[in-house]
Every structure is written in C-alpha cells, then in structure tokens.
Amino acid sequence: MIVRGICRLVPGVEGQSEHISVRRIVDRYLEHGRIFWFYNNGADEIYMGSADWMTRNLYRRIEVCFPVADSRLKASLRQVLDIYLKDNLKATWVTADGAHNPVAGKGKRLQAQAAMYQWVKEQAQ
C-alpha cells in the first residue's frame, strides 16, 4: 500500500498481513485519488476510487470505486504507481510497531510528487 497519512492496517502480522507492506509518502500536495492495482491470478485489475475509506466516508457519504477497462488508461495508472514506488526521498516504510523508516536511497534520487508534476506536463504536450 502507498498511503499519505495514517494507516490502520498493521503490516507484517503473521496470518493476517505478512504479505502486505505499507509505504507512506508525505509531501507538498495532498492527493485524493485512489488507485487499486490487483494482480489477480496473472491478470492486472485496476480500480479507481474516491475519498479515504474511513467510517465518516463509508457511512455518511456516497463513495465510488470503479474498474478501469481501457488498456491505455491502465498503462498510465501503472506508470503513476511506478513513480510513487520509486520515491526514495519522501517515502518511509511503516513497520508493524508503527515506526516510519526511510526508504533506502537506491539508484537515482526521486521525489514522487516532483516526478509526477513533470510526467503530467510531458503528457499534456
């Protein structure tokens, strides 16, 4: 998972979340888009959704989550996720004890939000 703020899921708990890692990125912009990427028995499934899945949103508002069917849009969304997964300046790993450990700065230094800003500019041209 890539989250911006709080995450109530505890990663690395045997029998519950041992295959889930949580990466937290807090930077200049507050993003609201939700992208869900599942690798379902070899088939990529991508969904997009609205706001945080918090009690106030699930029970007091109308929230939407929908599949993305267009292959070009799926490819673009995978690029977005790839950029965020490469962040090694603002990203931290959330551990089972709630600590936030910096992501090791392997390879080229990358700040996801700055890279996304540049990517969007290039896509618009």
N, C-alpha and C. Protein backbone atom coordinates (compact mmCIF):
# COMPACT_ATOMS: atom_id res chain seq x y z
N MET A 1 0.84 -1.17 0.00
CA MET A 1 0.00 0.00 0.00
C MET A 1 0.89 1.24 0.00
N ILE A 2 0.42 2.24 -0.69
CA ILE A 2 1.08 3.55 -0.64
C ILE A 2 0.04 4.49 -0.03
N VAL A 3 0.38 5.06 1.10
CA VAL A 3 -0.57 5.93 1.81
C VAL A 3 0.06 7.30 2.01
N ARG A 4 -0.77 8.28 2.28
CA ARG A 4 -0.26 9.62 2.56
C ARG A 4 -0.14 9.85 4.06
N GLY A 5 -1.15 9.50 4.80
CA GLY A 5 -1.16 9.80 6.22
C GLY A 5 -1.28 8.55 7.06
N ILE A 6 -2.31 8.53 7.86
CA ILE A 6 -2.49 7.40 8.78
C ILE A 6 -2.93 6.16 8.03
N CYS A 7 -2.57 5.03 8.56
CA CYS A 7 -2.98 3.75 8.02
C CYS A 7 -3.21 2.82 9.19
N ARG A 8 -4.41 2.34 9.33
CA ARG A 8 -4.73 1.49 10.48
C ARG A 8 -4.34 0.04 10.26
N LEU A 9 -4.03 -0.32 9.03
CA LEU A 9 -3.57 -1.67 8.75
C LEU A 9 -2.16 -1.83 9.31
N VAL A 10 -1.93 -2.89 10.02
CA VAL A 10 -0.61 -3.16 10.58
C VAL A 10 0.07 -4.18 9.66
N PRO A 11 1.13 -3.77 8.97
CA PRO A 11 1.79 -4.70 8.06
C PRO A 11 2.64 -5.72 8.80
N GLY A 12 2.85 -6.86 8.15
CA GLY A 12 3.77 -7.85 8.68
C GLY A 12 3.27 -8.71 9.83
N VAL A 13 1.95 -8.77 10.04
CA VAL A 13 1.39 -9.60 11.11
C VAL A 13 1.12 -10.99 10.53
N GLU A 14 1.79 -11.98 11.11
CA GLU A 14 1.67 -13.35 10.62
C GLU A 14 0.21 -13.81 10.64
N GLY A 15 -0.20 -14.41 9.53
CA GLY A 15 -1.56 -14.92 9.41
C GLY A 15 -2.59 -13.86 9.02
N GLN A 16 -2.17 -12.60 8.97
CA GLN A 16 -3.11 -11.53 8.61
C GLN A 16 -2.57 -10.63 7.51
N SER A 17 -1.39 -10.10 7.71
CA SER A 17 -0.88 -9.09 6.76
C SER A 17 0.60 -9.28 6.46
N GLU A 18 1.07 -10.53 6.56
CA GLU A 18 2.51 -10.74 6.36
C GLU A 18 2.96 -10.49 4.92
N HIS A 19 2.02 -10.44 3.98
CA HIS A 19 2.37 -10.18 2.58
C HIS A 19 2.06 -8.75 2.17
N ILE A 20 1.78 -7.89 3.12
CA ILE A 20 1.43 -6.50 2.83
C ILE A 20 2.51 -5.58 3.39
N SER A 21 2.96 -4.67 2.56
CA SER A 21 3.88 -3.64 3.03
C SER A 21 3.18 -2.30 2.86
N VAL A 22 3.53 -1.37 3.72
CA VAL A 22 2.92 -0.04 3.68
C VAL A 22 4.03 0.99 3.53
N ARG A 23 3.91 1.79 2.50
CA ARG A 23 4.84 2.87 2.21
C ARG A 23 4.07 4.17 2.39
N ARG A 24 4.65 5.08 3.13
CA ARG A 24 3.99 6.36 3.41
C ARG A 24 4.79 7.48 2.75
N ILE A 25 4.08 8.34 2.03
CA ILE A 25 4.72 9.48 1.39
C ILE A 25 3.95 10.74 1.78
N VAL A 26 4.61 11.61 2.51
CA VAL A 26 4.02 12.90 2.86
C VAL A 26 4.89 13.96 2.20
N ASP A 27 4.25 14.78 1.38
CA ASP A 27 4.99 15.81 0.67
C ASP A 27 4.12 17.05 0.55
N ARG A 28 4.41 17.88 -0.40
CA ARG A 28 3.77 19.19 -0.52
C ARG A 28 2.28 19.12 -0.82
N TYR A 29 1.88 18.24 -1.73
CA TYR A 29 0.49 18.20 -2.19
C TYR A 29 -0.30 17.12 -1.47
N LEU A 30 -1.56 17.42 -1.21
CA LEU A 30 -2.48 16.46 -0.61
C LEU A 30 -3.28 15.83 -1.74
N GLU A 31 -2.97 14.59 -2.04
CA GLU A 31 -3.64 13.90 -3.13
C GLU A 31 -4.88 13.17 -2.63
N HIS A 32 -5.88 13.10 -3.49
CA HIS A 32 -7.11 12.43 -3.11
C HIS A 32 -7.45 11.24 -4.00
N GLY A 33 -6.74 11.05 -5.07
CA GLY A 33 -7.03 9.94 -5.96
C GLY A 33 -6.70 8.60 -5.32
N ARG A 34 -7.46 7.62 -5.62
CA ARG A 34 -7.23 6.27 -5.12
C ARG A 34 -7.10 5.33 -6.29
N ILE A 35 -5.97 4.63 -6.35
CA ILE A 35 -5.75 3.64 -7.40
C ILE A 35 -5.54 2.30 -6.71
N PHE A 36 -6.27 1.31 -7.16
CA PHE A 36 -6.14 -0.04 -6.60
C PHE A 36 -5.66 -0.95 -7.74
N TRP A 37 -4.52 -1.60 -7.53
CA TRP A 37 -3.94 -2.46 -8.57
C TRP A 37 -3.83 -3.86 -7.98
N PHE A 38 -4.55 -4.78 -8.57
CA PHE A 38 -4.54 -6.18 -8.13
C PHE A 38 -3.95 -7.03 -9.25
N TYR A 39 -3.16 -7.99 -8.87
CA TYR A 39 -2.62 -8.96 -9.82
C TYR A 39 -3.37 -10.26 -9.54
N ASN A 40 -4.50 -10.42 -10.19
CA ASN A 40 -5.44 -11.49 -9.91
C ASN A 40 -5.15 -12.70 -10.77
N ASN A 41 -4.39 -13.65 -10.24
CA ASN A 41 -4.01 -14.86 -10.98
C ASN A 41 -3.43 -14.54 -12.35
N GLY A 42 -2.57 -13.55 -12.40
CA GLY A 42 -1.89 -13.19 -13.64
C GLY A 42 -2.59 -12.11 -14.45
N ALA A 43 -3.75 -11.67 -14.01
CA ALA A 43 -4.48 -10.63 -14.74
C ALA A 43 -4.46 -9.34 -13.93
N ASP A 44 -3.95 -8.28 -14.57
CA ASP A 44 -3.97 -6.98 -13.92
C ASP A 44 -5.39 -6.45 -13.84
N GLU A 45 -5.78 -6.06 -12.66
CA GLU A 45 -7.07 -5.41 -12.47
C GLU A 45 -6.80 -4.09 -11.77
N ILE A 46 -7.28 -3.01 -12.36
CA ILE A 46 -7.08 -1.68 -11.79
C ILE A 46 -8.43 -1.04 -11.56
N TYR A 47 -8.57 -0.48 -10.37
CA TYR A 47 -9.78 0.24 -9.98
C TYR A 47 -9.37 1.62 -9.52
N MET A 48 -10.29 2.55 -9.64
CA MET A 48 -10.09 3.87 -9.07
C MET A 48 -11.24 4.16 -8.13
N GLY A 49 -10.97 5.00 -7.15
CA GLY A 49 -12.00 5.31 -6.18
C GLY A 49 -11.88 6.73 -5.69
N SER A 50 -12.86 7.11 -4.91
CA SER A 50 -12.89 8.45 -4.36
C SER A 50 -12.21 8.48 -3.01
N ALA A 51 -12.76 9.14 -2.07
CA ALA A 51 -12.09 9.52 -0.82
C ALA A 51 -11.61 8.34 0.03
N ASP A 52 -10.99 8.71 1.16
CA ASP A 52 -10.49 7.72 2.12
C ASP A 52 -11.60 6.78 2.55
N TRP A 53 -11.24 5.54 2.77
CA TRP A 53 -12.21 4.57 3.25
C TRP A 53 -12.22 4.62 4.77
N MET A 54 -12.75 5.70 5.28
CA MET A 54 -12.87 5.89 6.72
C MET A 54 -14.35 5.86 7.08
N THR A 55 -14.66 5.60 8.33
CA THR A 55 -16.04 5.48 8.76
C THR A 55 -16.89 6.65 8.29
N ARG A 56 -16.39 7.86 8.46
CA ARG A 56 -17.19 9.03 8.07
C ARG A 56 -17.51 9.04 6.59
N ASN A 57 -16.64 8.47 5.78
CA ASN A 57 -16.87 8.44 4.34
C ASN A 57 -17.72 7.25 3.91
N LEU A 58 -17.53 6.12 4.54
CA LEU A 58 -18.27 4.92 4.14
C LEU A 58 -19.73 4.93 4.59
N TYR A 59 -20.01 5.57 5.70
CA TYR A 59 -21.36 5.51 6.26
C TYR A 59 -22.14 6.82 6.17
N ARG A 60 -21.48 7.92 5.85
CA ARG A 60 -22.17 9.20 5.80
C ARG A 60 -22.09 9.89 4.45
N ARG A 61 -21.42 9.28 3.50
CA ARG A 61 -21.26 9.87 2.17
C ARG A 61 -21.43 8.78 1.12
N ILE A 62 -21.53 9.20 -0.10
CA ILE A 62 -21.56 8.25 -1.20
C ILE A 62 -20.16 8.20 -1.78
N GLU A 63 -19.54 7.04 -1.74
CA GLU A 63 -18.21 6.86 -2.29
C GLU A 63 -18.30 5.93 -3.49
N VAL A 64 -17.38 6.10 -4.41
CA VAL A 64 -17.41 5.36 -5.66
C VAL A 64 -16.09 4.65 -5.87
N CYS A 65 -16.15 3.42 -6.33
CA CYS A 65 -14.98 2.67 -6.74
C CYS A 65 -15.38 1.94 -8.03
N PHE A 66 -14.55 2.06 -9.06
CA PHE A 66 -14.94 1.51 -10.36
C PHE A 66 -13.74 0.87 -11.05
N PRO A 67 -14.00 -0.15 -11.89
CA PRO A 67 -12.90 -0.77 -12.63
C PRO A 67 -12.46 0.11 -13.80
N VAL A 68 -11.18 0.04 -14.12
CA VAL A 68 -10.65 0.73 -15.29
C VAL A 68 -10.45 -0.33 -16.36
N ALA A 69 -11.17 -0.18 -17.46
CA ALA A 69 -11.14 -1.20 -18.51
C ALA A 69 -10.20 -0.84 -19.66
N ASP A 70 -10.05 0.43 -19.97
CA ASP A 70 -9.26 0.86 -21.12
C ASP A 70 -7.77 0.56 -20.89
N SER A 71 -7.15 -0.15 -21.81
CA SER A 71 -5.75 -0.57 -21.64
C SER A 71 -4.80 0.62 -21.60
N ARG A 72 -5.07 1.69 -22.34
CA ARG A 72 -4.21 2.88 -22.30
C ARG A 72 -4.27 3.55 -20.93
N LEU A 73 -5.47 3.64 -20.38
CA LEU A 73 -5.61 4.24 -19.05
C LEU A 73 -4.94 3.38 -17.99
N LYS A 74 -5.08 2.06 -18.12
CA LYS A 74 -4.42 1.16 -17.18
C LYS A 74 -2.90 1.36 -17.20
N ALA A 75 -2.35 1.48 -18.42
CA ALA A 75 -0.91 1.67 -18.56
C ALA A 75 -0.48 2.99 -17.91
N SER A 76 -1.25 4.04 -18.09
CA SER A 76 -0.92 5.33 -17.46
C SER A 76 -0.98 5.23 -15.94
N LEU A 77 -1.97 4.55 -15.42
CA LEU A 77 -2.10 4.41 -13.97
C LEU A 77 -0.97 3.56 -13.39
N ARG A 78 -0.52 2.56 -14.13
CA ARG A 78 0.63 1.77 -13.68
C ARG A 78 1.88 2.64 -13.64
N GLN A 79 2.01 3.58 -14.60
CA GLN A 79 3.15 4.50 -14.58
C GLN A 79 3.10 5.39 -13.35
N VAL A 80 1.92 5.87 -13.01
CA VAL A 80 1.76 6.69 -11.80
C VAL A 80 2.22 5.91 -10.58
N LEU A 81 1.73 4.68 -10.44
CA LEU A 81 2.11 3.87 -9.29
C LEU A 81 3.61 3.57 -9.29
N ASP A 82 4.16 3.34 -10.46
CA ASP A 82 5.60 3.06 -10.55
C ASP A 82 6.41 4.26 -10.06
N ILE A 83 5.98 5.46 -10.41
CA ILE A 83 6.68 6.66 -9.94
C ILE A 83 6.65 6.71 -8.41
N TYR A 84 5.50 6.46 -7.83
CA TYR A 84 5.39 6.52 -6.37
C TYR A 84 6.17 5.40 -5.69
N LEU A 85 6.27 4.26 -6.34
CA LEU A 85 7.04 3.16 -5.76
C LEU A 85 8.55 3.41 -5.84
N LYS A 86 8.97 4.33 -6.69
CA LYS A 86 10.39 4.65 -6.82
C LYS A 86 10.83 5.80 -5.91
N ASP A 87 9.89 6.44 -5.22
CA ASP A 87 10.24 7.57 -4.36
C ASP A 87 11.22 7.09 -3.29
N ASN A 88 12.38 7.74 -3.23
CA ASN A 88 13.36 7.40 -2.19
C ASN A 88 13.82 8.65 -1.44
N LEU A 89 13.03 9.72 -1.54
CA LEU A 89 13.34 10.94 -0.79
C LEU A 89 12.31 11.23 0.29
N LYS A 90 11.05 11.08 -0.02
CA LYS A 90 9.99 11.39 0.93
C LYS A 90 9.32 10.14 1.50
N ALA A 91 9.56 8.99 0.91
CA ALA A 91 8.87 7.77 1.31
C ALA A 91 9.49 7.14 2.56
N THR A 92 8.62 6.56 3.38
CA THR A 92 9.06 5.77 4.53
C THR A 92 8.30 4.45 4.53
N TRP A 93 8.88 3.44 5.13
CA TRP A 93 8.20 2.17 5.35
C TRP A 93 7.54 2.21 6.71
N VAL A 94 6.28 1.83 6.76
CA VAL A 94 5.58 1.73 8.05
C VAL A 94 5.79 0.30 8.54
N THR A 95 6.28 0.16 9.76
CA THR A 95 6.56 -1.17 10.31
C THR A 95 5.42 -1.63 11.21
N ALA A 96 5.46 -2.88 11.60
CA ALA A 96 4.42 -3.45 12.44
C ALA A 96 4.28 -2.73 13.77
N ASP A 97 5.38 -2.14 14.25
CA ASP A 97 5.32 -1.43 15.54
C ASP A 97 4.96 0.06 15.37
N GLY A 98 4.62 0.45 14.13
CA GLY A 98 4.19 1.82 13.87
C GLY A 98 5.30 2.79 13.53
N ALA A 99 6.53 2.30 13.49
CA ALA A 99 7.66 3.18 13.14
C ALA A 99 7.62 3.51 11.65
N HIS A 100 8.28 4.59 11.30
CA HIS A 100 8.39 5.02 9.91
C HIS A 100 9.87 5.09 9.57
N ASN A 101 10.35 4.09 8.82
CA ASN A 101 11.76 4.01 8.46
C ASN A 101 11.96 4.53 7.04
N PRO A 102 12.91 5.41 6.83
CA PRO A 102 13.14 5.94 5.49
C PRO A 102 13.40 4.82 4.48
N VAL A 103 12.87 4.99 3.28
CA VAL A 103 13.15 4.05 2.20
C VAL A 103 14.60 4.27 1.79
N ALA A 104 15.33 3.19 1.64
CA ALA A 104 16.74 3.30 1.26
C ALA A 104 16.87 4.00 -0.07
N GLY A 105 17.80 4.93 -0.15
CA GLY A 105 18.01 5.72 -1.36
C GLY A 105 18.78 4.98 -2.44
N LYS A 106 18.20 3.90 -2.95
CA LYS A 106 18.86 3.13 -4.00
C LYS A 106 18.62 3.79 -5.35
N GLY A 107 19.64 3.79 -6.18
CA GLY A 107 19.51 4.34 -7.52
C GLY A 107 19.35 5.85 -7.52
N LYS A 108 18.80 6.35 -8.63
CA LYS A 108 18.60 7.78 -8.81
C LYS A 108 17.65 8.33 -7.76
N ARG A 109 17.99 9.50 -7.20
CA ARG A 109 17.12 10.13 -6.20
C ARG A 109 15.83 10.56 -6.89
N LEU A 110 14.69 10.20 -6.30
CA LEU A 110 13.41 10.51 -6.91
C LEU A 110 12.41 10.95 -5.85
N GLN A 111 11.81 12.09 -6.06
CA GLN A 111 10.73 12.60 -5.23
C GLN A 111 9.46 12.47 -6.06
N ALA A 112 8.55 11.61 -5.64
CA ALA A 112 7.40 11.23 -6.44
C ALA A 112 6.56 12.42 -6.91
N GLN A 113 6.25 13.33 -6.03
CA GLN A 113 5.38 14.43 -6.44
C GLN A 113 6.05 15.31 -7.49
N ALA A 114 7.32 15.58 -7.36
CA ALA A 114 8.03 16.36 -8.37
C ALA A 114 8.07 15.59 -9.70
N ALA A 115 8.32 14.29 -9.62
CA ALA A 115 8.35 13.46 -10.83
C ALA A 115 6.96 13.40 -11.49
N MET A 116 5.91 13.33 -10.66
CA MET A 116 4.55 13.31 -11.21
C MET A 116 4.23 14.63 -11.89
N TYR A 117 4.62 15.73 -11.31
CA TYR A 117 4.40 17.04 -11.90
C TYR A 117 5.03 17.09 -13.29
N GLN A 118 6.27 16.62 -13.40
CA GLN A 118 6.97 16.60 -14.68
C GLN A 118 6.30 15.65 -15.66
N TRP A 119 5.89 14.48 -15.19
CA TRP A 119 5.24 13.48 -16.05
C TRP A 119 3.93 14.03 -16.62
N VAL A 120 3.14 14.69 -15.79
CA VAL A 120 1.87 15.27 -16.25
C VAL A 120 2.14 16.36 -17.29
N LYS A 121 3.13 17.19 -17.07
CA LYS A 121 3.49 18.22 -18.06
C LYS A 121 3.85 17.60 -19.39
N GLU A 122 4.63 16.52 -19.35
CA GLU A 122 5.04 15.84 -20.58
C GLU A 122 3.84 15.20 -21.29
N GLN A 123 2.93 14.63 -20.53
CA GLN A 123 1.73 14.01 -21.11
C GLN A 123 0.84 15.04 -21.80
N ALA A 124 0.83 16.26 -21.25
CA ALA A 124 -0.03 17.30 -21.79
C ALA A 124 0.49 17.86 -23.11
N GLN A 125 1.77 17.68 -23.39
CA GLN A 125 2.36 18.24 -24.62
C GLN A 125 2.17 17.35 -25.80
